[in-house]
C-alpha atoms as a PDB file:
ATOM      1  CA  MET A   1     -15.836  -5.346  17.332  1.00  0.00           C
ATOM      2  CA  LYS A   2     -14.670  -2.839  19.934  1.00  0.00           C
ATOM      3  CA  GLY A   3     -11.086  -3.066  20.676  1.00  0.00           C
ATOM      4  CA  HIS A   4      -9.777  -4.815  17.553  1.00  0.00           C
ATOM      5  CA  VAL A   5      -8.077  -3.644  14.454  1.00  0.00           C
ATOM      6  CA  ASP A   6      -7.724  -5.345  10.988  1.00  0.00           C
ATOM      7  CA  ILE A   7      -5.016  -4.470   8.873  1.00  0.00           C
ATOM      8  CA  ILE A   8      -5.400  -4.861   5.262  1.00  0.00           C
ATOM      9  CA  PHE A   9      -2.886  -3.856   2.507  1.00  0.00           C
ATOM     10  CA  VAL A  10      -4.220  -2.798  -0.955  1.00  0.00           C
ATOM     11  CA  TYR A  11      -1.773  -3.155  -3.919  1.00  0.00           C
ATOM     12  CA  ILE A  12      -2.132  -0.438  -6.309  1.00  0.00           C
ATOM     13  CA  VAL A  13      -0.388   0.991  -9.515  1.00  0.00           C
ATOM     14  CA  GLU A  14       3.321   0.579  -9.731  1.00  0.00           C
ATOM     15  CA  ALA A  15       4.863   3.902  -8.600  1.00  0.00           C
ATOM     16  CA  HIS A  16       8.274   3.703 -10.557  1.00  0.00           C
ATOM     17  CA  ALA A  17       7.507   1.205 -13.358  1.00  0.00           C
ATOM     18  CA  ILE A  18      10.412   1.468 -15.873  1.00  0.00           C
ATOM     19  CA  ASP A  19       8.045   2.401 -18.843  1.00  0.00           C
ATOM     20  CA  GLU A  20       6.737   5.490 -16.752  1.00  0.00           C
ATOM     21  CA  TRP A  21       8.869   6.832 -13.832  1.00  0.00           C
ATOM     22  CA  PRO A  22      11.886   4.653 -13.410  1.00  0.00           C
ATOM     23  CA  ILE A  23      13.909   5.215 -10.230  1.00  0.00           C
ATOM     24  CA  SER A  24      17.426   3.667  -9.854  1.00  0.00           C
ATOM     25  CA  SER A  25      17.373   3.395  -5.986  1.00  0.00           C
ATOM     26  CA  GLY A  26      17.075   0.134  -4.096  1.00  0.00           C
ATOM     27  CA  ARG A  27      17.273   1.198  -0.721  1.00  0.00           C
ATOM     28  CA  TYR A  28      14.271  -0.463   0.640  1.00  0.00           C
ATOM     29  CA  ASN A  29      14.282  -3.376  -1.351  1.00  0.00           C
ATOM     30  CA  ARG A  30      16.236  -5.581   0.892  1.00  0.00           C
ATOM     31  CA  GLY A  31      19.297  -5.842  -1.104  1.00  0.00           C
ATOM     32  CA  ARG A  32      17.681  -6.991  -4.312  1.00  0.00           C
ATOM     33  CA  GLY A  33      18.719  -3.669  -5.899  1.00  0.00           C
ATOM     34  CA  PRO A  34      16.275  -1.383  -7.784  1.00  0.00           C
ATOM     35  CA  VAL A  35      12.709  -2.629  -8.939  1.00  0.00           C
ATOM     36  CA  SER A  36      12.776  -2.872 -12.487  1.00  0.00           C
ATOM     37  CA  VAL A  37       8.911  -3.794 -13.913  1.00  0.00           C
ATOM     38  CA  SER A  38       6.755  -2.382 -16.446  1.00  0.00           C
ATOM     39  CA  GLN A  39       3.448  -0.982 -15.453  1.00  0.00           C
ATOM     40  CA  PRO A  40       0.894  -3.844 -15.704  1.00  0.00           C
ATOM     41  CA  THR A  41      -1.754  -3.671 -18.426  1.00  0.00           C
ATOM     42  CA  SER A  42      -4.218  -6.525 -17.115  1.00  0.00           C
ATOM     43  CA  ASN A  43      -5.646  -7.627 -13.902  1.00  0.00           C
ATOM     44  CA  GLU A  44      -3.332 -11.051 -14.460  1.00  0.00           C
ATOM     45  CA  GLU A  45      -0.128  -9.093 -14.693  1.00  0.00           C
ATOM     46  CA  ARG A  46      -1.020  -6.740 -11.526  1.00  0.00           C
ATOM     47  CA  LEU A  47      -1.920  -9.902  -9.657  1.00  0.00           C
ATOM     48  CA  ALA A  48       1.476 -11.555 -10.453  1.00  0.00           C
ATOM     49  CA  LEU A  49       3.392  -8.513  -9.392  1.00  0.00           C
ATOM     50  CA  ALA A  50       1.303  -8.381  -6.161  1.00  0.00           C
ATOM     51  CA  ASN A  51       2.267 -11.928  -5.483  1.00  0.00           C
ATOM     52  CA  LYS A  52       5.820 -11.147  -6.363  1.00  0.00           C
ATOM     53  CA  PHE A  53       5.929  -8.259  -3.908  1.00  0.00           C
ATOM     54  CA  ARG A  54       4.485 -10.438  -1.194  1.00  0.00           C
ATOM     55  CA  SER A  55       6.985 -13.377  -1.608  1.00  0.00           C
ATOM     56  CA  ASP A  56       9.790 -10.719  -1.785  1.00  0.00           C
ATOM     57  CA  PHE A  57       8.762  -9.169   1.424  1.00  0.00           C
ATOM     58  CA  ASP A  58       7.587 -12.417   3.307  1.00  0.00           C
ATOM     59  CA  CYS A  59       7.276 -10.222   6.762  1.00  0.00           C
ATOM     60  CA  LEU A  60       4.263  -9.088   5.072  1.00  0.00           C
ATOM     61  CA  GLU A  61       1.789 -11.220   6.700  1.00  0.00           C
ATOM     62  CA  VAL A  62      -1.742  -9.132   6.596  1.00  0.00           C
ATOM     63  CA  PRO A  63      -4.483  -9.758   4.027  1.00  0.00           C
ATOM     64  CA  MET A  64      -3.575  -8.003   0.659  1.00  0.00           C
ATOM     65  CA  LEU A  65      -6.265  -6.790  -1.935  1.00  0.00           C
ATOM     66  CA  VAL A  66      -5.310  -5.866  -5.422  1.00  0.00           C
ATOM     67  CA  ASP A  67      -6.720  -2.862  -6.969  1.00  0.00           C
ATOM     68  CA  PRO A  68      -8.118  -3.840 -10.392  1.00  0.00           C
ATOM     69  CA  ILE A  69      -6.384  -2.418 -13.436  1.00  0.00           C
ATOM     70  CA  GLN A  70      -8.919   0.373 -13.991  1.00  0.00           C
ATOM     71  CA  ASN A  71      -7.243   1.602 -10.805  1.00  0.00           C
ATOM     72  CA  GLU A  72     -10.639   2.139  -9.071  1.00  0.00           C
ATOM     73  CA  PHE A  73      -9.469   2.544  -5.334  1.00  0.00           C
ATOM     74  CA  GLU A  74      -6.423   4.512  -6.458  1.00  0.00           C
ATOM     75  CA  LYS A  75      -8.883   6.966  -8.200  1.00  0.00           C
ATOM     76  CA  LYS A  76     -11.126   7.024  -5.426  1.00  0.00           C
ATOM     77  CA  TYR A  77      -8.714   7.341  -2.332  1.00  0.00           C
ATOM     78  CA  ALA A  78      -5.585   8.806  -3.875  1.00  0.00           C
ATOM     79  CA  PRO A  79      -3.374   6.465  -2.091  1.00  0.00           C
ATOM     80  CA  TRP A  80      -0.254   6.917  -4.000  1.00  0.00           C
ATOM     81  CA  PRO A  81       2.635   6.711  -3.114  1.00  0.00           C
ATOM     82  CA  LEU A  82       1.740   5.442   0.374  1.00  0.00           C
ATOM     83  CA  ARG A  83      -1.446   6.076   2.682  1.00  0.00           C
ATOM     84  CA  PHE A  84      -2.969   4.766   5.966  1.00  0.00           C
ATOM     85  CA  TYR A  85      -6.570   4.976   6.480  1.00  0.00           C
ATOM     86  CA  GLY A  86      -8.773   3.947   9.222  1.00  0.00           C
ATOM     87  CA  VAL A  87     -12.209   2.875   8.867  1.00  0.00           C
ATOM     88  CA  ASP A  88     -14.775   2.665  11.943  1.00  0.00           C
ATOM     89  CA  GLU A  89     -16.694  -0.528  12.893  1.00  0.00           C
ATOM     90  CA  ASN A  90     -19.410   1.440  11.249  1.00  0.00           C
ATOM     91  CA  GLY A  91     -17.579   1.588   7.821  1.00  0.00           C
ATOM     92  CA  LYS A  92     -16.801   5.358   8.045  1.00  0.00           C
ATOM     93  CA  MET A  93     -13.329   6.701   7.240  1.00  0.00           C
ATOM     94  CA  SER A  94     -12.140   8.356  10.302  1.00  0.00           C
ATOM     95  CA  TYR A  95      -8.630   8.712  10.010  1.00  0.00           C
ATOM     96  CA  ILE A  96      -6.293   9.490   7.011  1.00  0.00           C
ATOM     97  CA  ALA A  97      -2.499   9.638   7.577  1.00  0.00           C
ATOM     98  CA  ASN A  98      -0.753  12.086   5.405  1.00  0.00           C
ATOM     99  CA  PRO A  99       3.005  12.379   4.847  1.00  0.00           C
ATOM    100  CA  LYS A 100       5.070  15.115   6.483  1.00  0.00           C
ATOM    101  CA  ASP A 101       8.271  15.836   4.766  1.00  0.00           C
ATOM    102  CA  CYS A 102       7.720  12.787   2.440  1.00  0.00           C
ATOM    103  CA  ALA A 103       7.555  10.328   5.652  1.00  0.00           C
ATOM    104  CA  PHE A 104       4.820   9.150   7.976  1.00  0.00           C
ATOM    105  CA  ASP A 105       4.996   8.975  11.639  1.00  0.00           C
ATOM    106  CA  PRO A 106       3.926   5.303  12.514  1.00  0.00           C
ATOM    107  CA  LEU A 107       3.323   6.582  16.062  1.00  0.00           C
ATOM    108  CA  GLU A 108       0.364   8.680  14.632  1.00  0.00           C
ATOM    109  CA  VAL A 109      -1.221   5.532  12.897  1.00  0.00           C
ATOM    110  CA  TRP A 110      -0.509   3.361  16.317  1.00  0.00           C
ATOM    111  CA  GLN A 111      -2.282   6.318  18.282  1.00  0.00           C
ATOM    112  CA  TRP A 112      -5.413   6.119  15.942  1.00  0.00           C
ATOM    113  CA  CYS A 113      -5.413   2.181  16.452  1.00  0.00           C
ATOM    114  CA  LEU A 114      -5.168   2.519  20.136  1.00  0.00           C
ATOM    115  CA  SER A 115      -8.313   4.822  20.184  1.00  0.00           C
ATOM    116  CA  LYS A 116     -10.335   2.285  18.839  1.00  0.00           C
ATOM    117  CA  LYS A 117     -10.023   0.055  22.105  1.00  0.00           C
END
């Protein structure tokens, strides 16, 4: 629908699982300290972590999809560590935000959304 933007969050592999690439920073973890989880090995474990993430960050009120444990979304779209995609109403990918200096400019994403009006 013209002038309407849907936002969907896709939960993928753990970026800093303690059994793969642990980091000790918890600066964006709302005072809960570093994330200390192992990489899930089943869809059930990934769903549990996605649900925990959702409850920890209660401000996230957008629909969430969870990439299956085979990492199909991650392999196809390379979203790690964080990526924003824009899909037009015809289903074509028309925007991929890429980080600059390890950060995104939210204004760039916002401008793409506004261009869909």
